[in-house]
Structure formats: C-alpha cells, structure tokens
C-alpha cells in the first residue's frame, strides 16, 4: 500500500498496543509455507496501524511442531499527501 510506510518496533510495544486496543481488526493476512503476515487496524481506518510477521521451521522429529519461530513487528505511519495535487 502506498499511503503508509513501516517502522520496525519491539514485541513489548506490539503487546501493549494489542492489549490497550482490542478493537483492532485484521486488515489483511497472507500465509505461505512457514511464513505468516498480518496487518491490523481500526475498523474505520483507511490503512493499518501495525503489522506482524512470524516465520518458523517444522521439526524433523515432530512434523507438526514449530521450531526456530521468529516474530517481527512494525508500526504503520501515514505518508503525508498533498490534497491539492493528490500526490
């Protein structure tokens, strides 16, 4: 989406925002093999306010068990638009 940019944030910031704003809803989600990406926003928003990505591997001993799970989090910042020119 071109109307915002992202800034990586910490798990602690992510957790506090999620705890304080239970009204956040998924904006989009994509899941690929061992890779899940979801963006969240307020229902009345035009763009998400935060995003998360989780990656992992499957255990060779227990195929349904995740190993090496990693999480990354971002805040979404709107890009200022010139309303007269539309850019």
PDB file of N, CA and C in Angstrom:
ATOM      1  N   UNK A   1       0.849  -1.176   0.000  1.00  0.00           N
ATOM      2  CA  UNK A   1       0.000   0.000   0.000  1.00  0.00           C
ATOM      3  C   UNK A   1       0.890   1.233   0.000  1.00  0.00           C
ATOM      4  N   UNK A   2       0.584   2.215  -0.800  1.00  0.00           N
ATOM      5  CA  UNK A   2       1.467   3.363  -0.965  1.00  0.00           C
ATOM      6  C   UNK A   2       1.168   4.516  -0.017  1.00  0.00           C
ATOM      7  N   UNK A   3       0.114   4.442   0.779  1.00  0.00           N
ATOM      8  CA  UNK A   3      -0.218   5.570   1.635  1.00  0.00           C
ATOM      9  C   UNK A   3       0.338   5.455   3.058  1.00  0.00           C
ATOM     10  N   UNK A   4       1.224   4.489   3.295  1.00  0.00           N
ATOM     11  CA  UNK A   4       1.905   4.413   4.582  1.00  0.00           C
ATOM     12  C   UNK A   4       3.266   3.751   4.408  1.00  0.00           C
ATOM     13  N   UNK A   5       4.111   3.991   5.409  1.00  0.00           N
ATOM     14  CA  UNK A   5       5.405   3.319   5.471  1.00  0.00           C
ATOM     15  C   UNK A   5       5.476   2.627   6.820  1.00  0.00           C
ATOM     16  N   UNK A   6       6.439   1.738   6.983  1.00  0.00           N
ATOM     17  CA  UNK A   6       6.529   0.994   8.238  1.00  0.00           C
ATOM     18  C   UNK A   6       7.832   1.298   8.972  1.00  0.00           C
ATOM     19  N   UNK A   7       7.750   1.176  10.295  1.00  0.00           N
ATOM     20  CA  UNK A   7       8.898   1.322  11.182  1.00  0.00           C
ATOM     21  C   UNK A   7       8.888   0.114  12.101  1.00  0.00           C
ATOM     22  N   UNK A   8       9.990  -0.624  12.137  1.00  0.00           N
ATOM     23  CA  UNK A   8      10.045  -1.812  12.988  1.00  0.00           C
ATOM     24  C   UNK A   8       9.946  -1.406  14.451  1.00  0.00           C
ATOM     25  N   UNK A   9       9.241  -2.218  15.233  1.00  0.00           N
ATOM     26  CA  UNK A   9       9.067  -1.945  16.659  1.00  0.00           C
ATOM     27  C   UNK A   9       9.354  -3.211  17.463  1.00  0.00           C
ATOM     28  N   UNK A  10       9.267  -3.081  18.764  1.00  0.00           N
ATOM     29  CA  UNK A  10       9.607  -4.183  19.671  1.00  0.00           C
ATOM     30  C   UNK A  10       8.376  -5.027  20.011  1.00  0.00           C
ATOM     31  N   UNK A  11       8.606  -6.244  20.481  1.00  0.00           N
ATOM     32  CA  UNK A  11       7.489  -7.077  20.939  1.00  0.00           C
ATOM     33  C   UNK A  11       6.719  -6.422  22.087  1.00  0.00           C
ATOM     34  N   UNK A  12       7.416  -5.668  22.918  1.00  0.00           N
ATOM     35  CA  UNK A  12       6.762  -5.014  24.059  1.00  0.00           C
ATOM     36  C   UNK A  12       5.778  -3.940  23.597  1.00  0.00           C
ATOM     37  N   UNK A  13       6.186  -3.127  22.627  1.00  0.00           N
ATOM     38  CA  UNK A  13       5.299  -2.089  22.090  1.00  0.00           C
ATOM     39  C   UNK A  13       4.090  -2.754  21.438  1.00  0.00           C
ATOM     40  N   UNK A  14       4.345  -3.779  20.644  1.00  0.00           N
ATOM     41  CA  UNK A  14       3.269  -4.520  19.977  1.00  0.00           C
ATOM     42  C   UNK A  14       2.258  -5.045  21.001  1.00  0.00           C
ATOM     43  N   UNK A  15       2.755  -5.673  22.070  1.00  0.00           N
ATOM     44  CA  UNK A  15       1.884  -6.275  23.088  1.00  0.00           C
ATOM     45  C   UNK A  15       1.029  -5.227  23.790  1.00  0.00           C
ATOM     46  N   UNK A  16       1.604  -4.084  24.106  1.00  0.00           N
ATOM     47  CA  UNK A  16       0.846  -3.032  24.791  1.00  0.00           C
ATOM     48  C   UNK A  16      -0.255  -2.486  23.883  1.00  0.00           C
ATOM     49  N   UNK A  17       0.056  -2.236  22.627  1.00  0.00           N
ATOM     50  CA  UNK A  17      -0.963  -1.730  21.699  1.00  0.00           C
ATOM     51  C   UNK A  17      -2.098  -2.744  21.554  1.00  0.00           C
ATOM     52  N   UNK A  18      -1.760  -4.012  21.380  1.00  0.00           N
ATOM     53  CA  UNK A  18      -2.794  -5.046  21.255  1.00  0.00           C
ATOM     54  C   UNK A  18      -3.650  -5.139  22.520  1.00  0.00           C
ATOM     55  N   UNK A  19      -3.004  -5.024  23.689  1.00  0.00           N
ATOM     56  CA  UNK A  19      -3.744  -5.112  24.952  1.00  0.00           C
ATOM     57  C   UNK A  19      -4.661  -3.909  25.161  1.00  0.00           C
ATOM     58  N   UNK A  20      -4.210  -2.728  24.794  1.00  0.00           N
ATOM     59  CA  UNK A  20      -4.978  -1.498  25.022  1.00  0.00           C
ATOM     60  C   UNK A  20      -6.034  -1.225  23.951  1.00  0.00           C
ATOM     61  N   UNK A  21      -5.922  -1.919  22.819  1.00  0.00           N
ATOM     62  CA  UNK A  21      -6.857  -1.673  21.719  1.00  0.00           C
ATOM     63  C   UNK A  21      -7.424  -2.988  21.172  1.00  0.00           C
ATOM     64  N   UNK A  22      -8.304  -3.623  21.946  1.00  0.00           N
ATOM     65  CA  UNK A  22      -8.884  -4.887  21.491  1.00  0.00           C
ATOM     66  C   UNK A  22      -9.777  -4.714  20.255  1.00  0.00           C
ATOM     67  N   UNK A  23     -10.097  -3.471  19.913  1.00  0.00           N
ATOM     68  CA  UNK A  23     -10.940  -3.222  18.748  1.00  0.00           C
ATOM     69  C   UNK A  23     -10.183  -3.327  17.417  1.00  0.00           C
ATOM     70  N   UNK A  24      -8.848  -3.489  17.463  1.00  0.00           N
ATOM     71  CA  UNK A  24      -8.083  -3.664  16.227  1.00  0.00           C
ATOM     72  C   UNK A  24      -8.524  -4.942  15.519  1.00  0.00           C
ATOM     73  N   UNK A  25      -8.632  -4.847  14.201  1.00  0.00           N
ATOM     74  CA  UNK A  25      -9.062  -5.992  13.394  1.00  0.00           C
ATOM     75  C   UNK A  25      -8.020  -6.267  12.312  1.00  0.00           C
ATOM     76  N   UNK A  26      -7.952  -7.504  11.826  1.00  0.00           N
ATOM     77  CA  UNK A  26      -7.038  -7.780  10.710  1.00  0.00           C
ATOM     78  C   UNK A  26      -7.463  -7.006   9.464  1.00  0.00           C
ATOM     79  N   UNK A  27      -6.493  -6.373   8.826  1.00  0.00           N
ATOM     80  CA  UNK A  27      -6.726  -5.683   7.558  1.00  0.00           C
ATOM     81  C   UNK A  27      -6.446  -6.624   6.404  1.00  0.00           C
ATOM     82  N   UNK A  28      -5.366  -7.379   6.545  1.00  0.00           N
ATOM     83  CA  UNK A  28      -5.018  -8.364   5.528  1.00  0.00           C
ATOM     84  C   UNK A  28      -4.142  -9.419   6.185  1.00  0.00           C
ATOM     85  N   UNK A  29      -4.134 -10.576   5.569  1.00  0.00           N
ATOM     86  CA  UNK A  29      -3.275 -11.641   6.066  1.00  0.00           C
ATOM     87  C   UNK A  29      -2.832 -12.492   4.881  1.00  0.00           C
ATOM     88  N   UNK A  30      -1.627 -12.982   4.984  1.00  0.00           N
ATOM     89  CA  UNK A  30      -1.077 -13.859   3.953  1.00  0.00           C
ATOM     90  C   UNK A  30      -0.292 -14.955   4.656  1.00  0.00           C
ATOM     91  N   UNK A  31      -0.498 -16.164   4.197  1.00  0.00           N
ATOM     92  CA  UNK A  31       0.188 -17.294   4.792  1.00  0.00           C
ATOM     93  C   UNK A  31       0.823 -18.119   3.687  1.00  0.00           C
ATOM     94  N   UNK A  32       2.104 -18.354   3.842  1.00  0.00           N
ATOM     95  CA  UNK A  32       2.853 -19.201   2.936  1.00  0.00           C
ATOM     96  C   UNK A  32       3.482 -20.285   3.785  1.00  0.00           C
ATOM     97  N   UNK A  33       4.132 -21.220   3.186  1.00  0.00           N
ATOM     98  CA  UNK A  33       4.757 -22.284   3.958  1.00  0.00           C
ATOM     99  C   UNK A  33       5.710 -21.688   4.986  1.00  0.00           C
ATOM    100  N   UNK A  34       5.415 -21.891   6.261  1.00  0.00           N
ATOM    101  CA  UNK A  34       6.248 -21.443   7.386  1.00  0.00           C
ATOM    102  C   UNK A  34       6.432 -19.926   7.441  1.00  0.00           C
ATOM    103  N   UNK A  35       5.440 -19.175   6.987  1.00  0.00           N
ATOM    104  CA  UNK A  35       5.543 -17.716   6.959  1.00  0.00           C
ATOM    105  C   UNK A  35       4.131 -17.132   7.017  1.00  0.00           C
ATOM    106  N   UNK A  36       3.858 -16.319   8.065  1.00  0.00           N
ATOM    107  CA  UNK A  36       2.533 -15.709   8.238  1.00  0.00           C
ATOM    108  C   UNK A  36       2.705 -14.212   8.410  1.00  0.00           C
ATOM    109  N   UNK A  37       1.953 -13.432   7.637  1.00  0.00           N
ATOM    110  CA  UNK A  37       1.998 -11.973   7.712  1.00  0.00           C
ATOM    111  C   UNK A  37       0.577 -11.462   7.905  1.00  0.00           C
ATOM    112  N   UNK A  38       0.392 -10.548   8.882  1.00  0.00           N
ATOM    113  CA  UNK A  38      -0.924  -9.965   9.137  1.00  0.00           C
ATOM    114  C   UNK A  38      -0.766  -8.489   9.455  1.00  0.00           C
ATOM    115  N   UNK A  39      -1.663  -7.676   8.904  1.00  0.00           N
ATOM    116  CA  UNK A  39      -1.717  -6.261   9.261  1.00  0.00           C
ATOM    117  C   UNK A  39      -3.012  -6.019  10.030  1.00  0.00           C
ATOM    118  N   UNK A  40      -2.976  -5.072  10.973  1.00  0.00           N
ATOM    119  CA  UNK A  40      -4.107  -4.774  11.844  1.00  0.00           C
ATOM    120  C   UNK A  40      -4.406  -3.281  11.813  1.00  0.00           C
ATOM    121  N   UNK A  41      -5.690  -2.950  11.950  1.00  0.00           N
ATOM    122  CA  UNK A  41      -6.077  -1.547  12.000  1.00  0.00           C
ATOM    123  C   UNK A  41      -7.409  -1.382  12.699  1.00  0.00           C
ATOM    124  N   UNK A  42      -7.818  -0.145  12.819  1.00  0.00           N
ATOM    125  CA  UNK A  42      -9.120   0.162  13.394  1.00  0.00           C
ATOM    126  C   UNK A  42     -10.174  -0.007  12.295  1.00  0.00           C
ATOM    127  N   UNK A  43     -11.360  -0.467  12.639  1.00  0.00           N
ATOM    128  CA  UNK A  43     -12.375  -0.709  11.615  1.00  0.00           C
ATOM    129  C   UNK A  43     -12.648   0.493  10.708  1.00  0.00           C
ATOM    130  N   UNK A  44     -12.578   1.687  11.225  1.00  0.00           N
ATOM    131  CA  UNK A  44     -12.888   2.879  10.434  1.00  0.00           C
ATOM    132  C   UNK A  44     -11.670   3.481   9.716  1.00  0.00           C
ATOM    133  N   UNK A  45     -10.510   2.843   9.802  1.00  0.00           N
ATOM    134  CA  UNK A  45      -9.276   3.369   9.208  1.00  0.00           C
ATOM    135  C   UNK A  45      -9.156   3.008   7.732  1.00  0.00           C
ATOM    136  N   UNK A  46      -8.393   3.833   7.020  1.00  0.00           N
ATOM    137  CA  UNK A  46      -8.115   3.579   5.607  1.00  0.00           C
ATOM    138  C   UNK A  46      -6.869   2.728   5.401  1.00  0.00           C
ATOM    139  N   UNK A  47      -6.043   2.609   6.435  1.00  0.00           N
ATOM    140  CA  UNK A  47      -4.832   1.799   6.344  1.00  0.00           C
ATOM    141  C   UNK A  47      -4.536   1.202   7.706  1.00  0.00           C
ATOM    142  N   UNK A  48      -3.722   0.157   7.758  1.00  0.00           N
ATOM    143  CA  UNK A  48      -3.417  -0.492   9.048  1.00  0.00           C
ATOM    144  C   UNK A  48      -2.546   0.391   9.930  1.00  0.00           C
ATOM    145  N   UNK A  49      -2.526   0.068  11.225  1.00  0.00           N
ATOM    146  CA  UNK A  49      -1.667   0.791  12.164  1.00  0.00           C
ATOM    147  C   UNK A  49      -0.468  -0.048  12.594  1.00  0.00           C
ATOM    148  N   UNK A  50      -0.542  -1.376  12.360  1.00  0.00           N
ATOM    149  CA  UNK A  50       0.608  -2.214  12.692  1.00  0.00           C
ATOM    150  C   UNK A  50       0.555  -3.515  11.907  1.00  0.00           C
ATOM    151  N   UNK A  51       1.738  -4.129  11.800  1.00  0.00           N
ATOM    152  CA  UNK A  51       1.881  -5.376  11.050  1.00  0.00           C
ATOM    153  C   UNK A  51       2.758  -6.343  11.840  1.00  0.00           C
ATOM    154  N   UNK A  52       2.560  -7.625  11.568  1.00  0.00           N
ATOM    155  CA  UNK A  52       3.354  -8.661  12.226  1.00  0.00           C
ATOM    156  C   UNK A  52       3.698  -9.752  11.218  1.00  0.00           C
ATOM    157  N   UNK A  53       4.881 -10.322  11.394  1.00  0.00           N
ATOM    158  CA  UNK A  53       5.299 -11.453  10.560  1.00  0.00           C
ATOM    159  C   UNK A  53       5.925 -12.507  11.462  1.00  0.00           C
ATOM    160  N   UNK A  54       5.498 -13.735  11.281  1.00  0.00           N
ATOM    161  CA  UNK A  54       6.051 -14.869  12.016  1.00  0.00           C
ATOM    162  C   UNK A  54       6.577 -15.879  11.000  1.00  0.00           C
ATOM    163  N   UNK A  55       7.808 -16.329  11.223  1.00  0.00           N
ATOM    164  CA  UNK A  55       8.400 -17.373  10.390  1.00  0.00           C
ATOM    165  C   UNK A  55       8.854 -18.510  11.302  1.00  0.00           C
ATOM    166  N   UNK A  56       8.919 -19.710  10.748  1.00  0.00           N
ATOM    167  CA  UNK A  56       9.326 -20.877  11.531  1.00  0.00           C
ATOM    168  C   UNK A  56       9.763 -21.998  10.609  1.00  0.00           C
ATOM    169  N   UNK A  57      10.252 -23.049  11.218  1.00  0.00           N
ATOM    170  CA  UNK A  57      10.574 -24.296  10.530  1.00  0.00           C
ATOM    171  C   UNK A  57       9.799 -25.401  11.233  1.00  0.00           C
ATOM    172  N   UNK A  58       9.624 -26.511  10.556  1.00  0.00           N
ATOM    173  CA  UNK A  58       8.983 -27.660  11.195  1.00  0.00           C
ATOM    174  C   UNK A  58      10.043 -28.626  11.692  1.00  0.00           C
ATOM    175  N   UNK A  59       9.790 -29.207  12.847  1.00  0.00           N
ATOM    176  CA  UNK A  59      10.693 -30.180  13.456  1.00  0.00           C
ATOM    177  C   UNK A  59      10.716 -31.461  12.617  1.00  0.00           C
ATOM    178  N   UNK A  60      11.910 -32.002  12.411  1.00  0.00           N
ATOM    179  CA  UNK A  60      12.011 -33.268  11.670  1.00  0.00           C
ATOM    180  C   UNK A  60      11.501 -34.443  12.514  1.00  0.00           C
ATOM    181  N   UNK A  61      11.579 -34.327  13.856  1.00  0.00           N
ATOM    182  CA  UNK A  61      11.090 -35.389  14.737  1.00  0.00           C
ATOM    183  C   UNK A  61       9.573 -35.325  14.918  1.00  0.00           C
ATOM    184  N   UNK A  62       9.036 -34.117  14.961  1.00  0.00           N
ATOM    185  CA  UNK A  62       7.594 -33.911  15.141  1.00  0.00           C
ATOM    186  C   UNK A  62       7.129 -32.956  14.039  1.00  0.00           C
ATOM    187  N   UNK A  63       6.720 -33.455  12.902  1.00  0.00           N
ATOM    188  CA  UNK A  63       6.423 -32.615  11.741  1.00  0.00           C
ATOM    189  C   UNK A  63       5.424 -31.483  11.973  1.00  0.00           C
ATOM    190  N   UNK A  64       4.529 -31.614  12.925  1.00  0.00           N
ATOM    191  CA  UNK A  64       3.569 -30.529  13.174  1.00  0.00           C
ATOM    192  C   UNK A  64       4.074 -29.530  14.224  1.00  0.00           C
ATOM    193  N   UNK A  65       5.267 -29.734  14.749  1.00  0.00           N
ATOM    194  CA  UNK A  65       5.833 -28.886  15.800  1.00  0.00           C
ATOM    195  C   UNK A  65       6.734 -27.808  15.182  1.00  0.00           C
ATOM    196  N   UNK A  66       6.475 -26.542  15.537  1.00  0.00           N
ATOM    197  CA  UNK A  66       7.288 -25.438  15.023  1.00  0.00           C
ATOM    198  C   UNK A  66       8.589 -25.298  15.811  1.00  0.00           C
ATOM    199  N   UNK A  67       9.667 -25.031  15.105  1.00  0.00           N
ATOM    200  CA  UNK A  67      10.962 -24.727  15.737  1.00  0.00           C
ATOM    201  C   UNK A  67      11.514 -23.466  15.090  1.00  0.00           C
ATOM    202  N   UNK A  68      12.445 -22.825  15.780  1.00  0.00           N
ATOM    203  CA  UNK A  68      13.086 -21.603  15.288  1.00  0.00           C
ATOM    204  C   UNK A  68      12.064 -20.528  14.913  1.00  0.00           C
ATOM    205  N   UNK A  69      11.011 -20.410  15.702  1.00  0.00           N
ATOM    206  CA  UNK A  69       9.971 -19.420  15.425  1.00  0.00           C
ATOM    207  C   UNK A  69      10.518 -18.020  15.698  1.00  0.00           C
ATOM    208  N   UNK A  70      10.292 -17.115  14.765  1.00  0.00           N
ATOM    209  CA  UNK A  70      10.753 -15.736  14.891  1.00  0.00           C
ATOM    210  C   UNK A  70       9.594 -14.794  14.583  1.00  0.00           C
ATOM    211  N   UNK A  71       9.553 -13.682  15.322  1.00  0.00           N
ATOM    212  CA  UNK A  71       8.490 -12.691  15.163  1.00  0.00           C
ATOM    213  C   UNK A  71       9.108 -11.323  14.883  1.00  0.00           C
ATOM    214  N   UNK A  72       8.482 -10.591  13.981  1.00  0.00           N
ATOM    215  CA  UNK A  72       8.875  -9.203  13.705  1.00  0.00           C
ATOM    216  C   UNK A  72       7.608  -8.362  13.688  1.00  0.00           C
ATOM    217  N   UNK A  73       7.743  -7.099  14.152  1.00  0.00           N
ATOM    218  CA  UNK A  73       6.584  -6.220  14.289  1.00  0.00           C
ATOM    219  C   UNK A  73       6.905  -4.844  13.722  1.00  0.00           C
ATOM    220  N   UNK A  74       5.878  -4.215  13.138  1.00  0.00           N
ATOM    221  CA  UNK A  74       6.038  -2.876  12.575  1.00  0.00           C
ATOM    222  C   UNK A  74       4.847  -2.007  12.932  1.00  0.00           C
ATOM    223  N   UNK A  75       5.116  -0.714  13.065  1.00  0.00           N
ATOM    224  CA  UNK A  75       4.070   0.293  13.152  1.00  0.00           C
ATOM    225  C   UNK A  75       3.915   0.881  11.757  1.00  0.00           C
ATOM    226  N   UNK A  76       2.710   1.234  11.389  1.00  0.00           N
ATOM    227  CA  UNK A  76       2.438   1.808  10.068  1.00  0.00           C
ATOM    228  C   UNK A  76       2.220   3.311  10.227  1.00  0.00           C
ATOM    229  N   UNK A  77       2.974   4.079   9.480  1.00  0.00           N
ATOM    230  CA  UNK A  77       2.899   5.535   9.557  1.00  0.00           C
ATOM    231  C   UNK A  77       2.363   6.101   8.251  1.00  0.00           C
ATOM    232  N   UNK A  78       1.341   6.948   8.326  1.00  0.00           N
ATOM    233  CA  UNK A  78       0.795   7.505   7.090  1.00  0.00           C
ATOM    234  C   UNK A  78       1.809   8.396   6.393  1.00  0.00           C
ATOM    235  N   UNK A  79       1.736   8.404   5.082  1.00  0.00           N
ATOM    236  CA  UNK A  79       2.573   9.298   4.286  1.00  0.00           C
ATOM    237  C   UNK A  79       1.738  10.527   3.982  1.00  0.00           C
ATOM    238  N   UNK A  80       2.280  11.679   4.282  1.00  0.00           N
ATOM    239  CA  UNK A  80       1.556  12.922   4.055  1.00  0.00           C
ATOM    240  C   UNK A  80       1.246  13.075   2.573  1.00  0.00           C
ATOM    241  N   UNK A  81       0.032  13.469   2.305  1.00  0.00           N
ATOM    242  CA  UNK A  81      -0.401  13.646   0.926  1.00  0.00           C
ATOM    243  C   UNK A  81      -0.760  15.110   0.690  1.00  0.00           C
ATOM    244  N   UNK A  82      -0.368  15.629  -0.458  1.00  0.00           N
ATOM    245  CA  UNK A  82      -0.751  16.976  -0.849  1.00  0.00           C
ATOM    246  C   UNK A  82      -2.161  16.882  -1.428  1.00  0.00           C
ATOM    247  N   UNK A  83      -3.154  17.337  -0.679  1.00  0.00           N
ATOM    248  CA  UNK A  83      -4.547  17.155  -1.073  1.00  0.00           C
ATOM    249  C   UNK A  83      -4.927  17.982  -2.298  1.00  0.00           C
ATOM    250  N   UNK A  84      -4.164  19.054  -2.590  1.00  0.00           N
ATOM    251  CA  UNK A  84      -4.467  19.851  -3.776  1.00  0.00           C
ATOM    252  C   UNK A  84      -4.024  19.152  -5.059  1.00  0.00           C
ATOM    253  N   UNK A  85      -2.879  18.478  -5.018  1.00  0.00           N
ATOM    254  CA  UNK A  85      -2.367  17.811  -6.224  1.00  0.00           C
ATOM    255  C   UNK A  85      -2.670  16.314  -6.232  1.00  0.00           C
ATOM    256  N   UNK A  86      -3.036  15.776  -5.053  1.00  0.00           N
ATOM    257  CA  UNK A  86      -3.306  14.343  -4.966  1.00  0.00           C
ATOM    258  C   UNK A  86      -2.043  13.483  -4.896  1.00  0.00           C
ATOM    259  N   UNK A  87      -0.893  14.112  -4.630  1.00  0.00           N
ATOM    260  CA  UNK A  87       0.359  13.356  -4.528  1.00  0.00           C
ATOM    261  C   UNK A  87       0.970  13.518  -3.154  1.00  0.00           C
TER     262      UNK A  87
END
